[in-house]
Amino acid sequence: MAANGTVREAIAEIGLPVSIPAMEYCTDNAAMIGRAAFSVNALSPEQALSLEIFPTGQTVQQ
């Protein structure tokens, strides 16, 4: 998301106080999303919709 120009522009227009990394430090998550889609595709719709979510990042509150 950090590399998404539309998102960057929308945030700038709103004037939210955020810190966005320089474009050179943003990576493409396409490989990760493609691999996840490949794994989920092997599941039935019921199985895919029942997957648990395990966030690994930390939320920072200001």
Protein backbone atom coordinates (compact mmCIF):
# COMPACT_ATOMS: atom_id res chain seq x y z
CA MET A 1 0.00 0.00 0.00
CA ALA A 2 2.85 2.40 0.72
CA ALA A 3 3.87 2.33 -2.95
CA ASN A 4 0.33 3.08 -4.16
CA GLY A 5 0.38 6.57 -5.70
CA THR A 6 -3.39 6.99 -5.41
CA VAL A 7 -3.29 6.18 -1.69
CA ARG A 8 -0.36 8.55 -1.17
CA GLU A 9 -2.24 11.37 -2.93
CA ALA A 10 -5.44 10.72 -0.95
CA ILE A 11 -3.56 10.83 2.34
CA ALA A 12 -1.80 14.04 1.30
CA GLU A 13 -5.15 15.65 0.38
CA ILE A 14 -6.73 14.71 3.70
CA GLY A 15 -3.71 16.03 5.57
CA LEU A 16 -3.36 13.08 7.93
CA PRO A 17 -0.18 13.11 10.04
CA VAL A 18 1.44 9.92 8.75
CA SER A 19 4.94 8.81 7.97
CA ILE A 20 5.27 7.09 4.58
CA PRO A 21 8.59 5.51 3.54
CA ALA A 22 10.35 6.74 0.43
CA MET A 23 9.36 4.81 -2.71
CA GLU A 24 12.79 3.14 -2.85
CA TYR A 25 12.01 1.41 0.46
CA CYS A 26 8.59 0.08 -0.63
CA THR A 27 8.39 -3.45 -2.00
CA ASP A 28 5.90 -5.25 -4.18
CA ASN A 29 3.76 -7.80 -2.35
CA ALA A 30 2.65 -9.51 -5.58
CA ALA A 31 4.66 -12.68 -4.93
CA MET A 32 3.27 -13.02 -1.41
CA ILE A 33 -0.32 -12.44 -2.56
CA GLY A 34 0.11 -14.84 -5.49
CA ARG A 35 1.40 -17.60 -3.21
CA ALA A 36 -1.44 -17.05 -0.73
CA ALA A 37 -3.99 -17.16 -3.56
CA PHE A 38 -2.48 -20.41 -4.84
CA SER A 39 -2.89 -22.02 -1.41
CA VAL A 40 -6.43 -20.72 -0.86
CA ASN A 41 -7.47 -21.84 -4.35
CA ALA A 42 -6.96 -25.47 -3.27
CA LEU A 43 -9.57 -25.07 -0.50
CA SER A 44 -13.32 -25.31 -0.77
CA PRO A 45 -15.16 -21.97 -0.45
CA GLU A 46 -16.26 -22.94 3.06
CA GLN A 47 -12.70 -23.74 4.10
CA ALA A 48 -11.33 -20.54 2.56
CA LEU A 49 -13.89 -18.39 4.40
CA SER A 50 -13.11 -20.05 7.72
CA LEU A 51 -9.37 -19.25 7.72
CA GLU A 52 -8.03 -17.61 10.87
CA ILE A 53 -6.13 -14.31 10.72
CA PHE A 54 -2.88 -14.00 12.66
CA PRO A 55 -1.47 -10.44 12.38
CA THR A 56 2.24 -10.20 13.12
CA GLY A 57 2.73 -6.44 13.02
CA GLN A 58 2.41 -4.08 15.93
CA THR A 59 -0.14 -1.29 16.07
CA VAL A 60 1.31 2.08 16.98
CA GLN A 61 -1.00 4.56 18.68
CA GLN A 62 -0.17 8.25 18.91
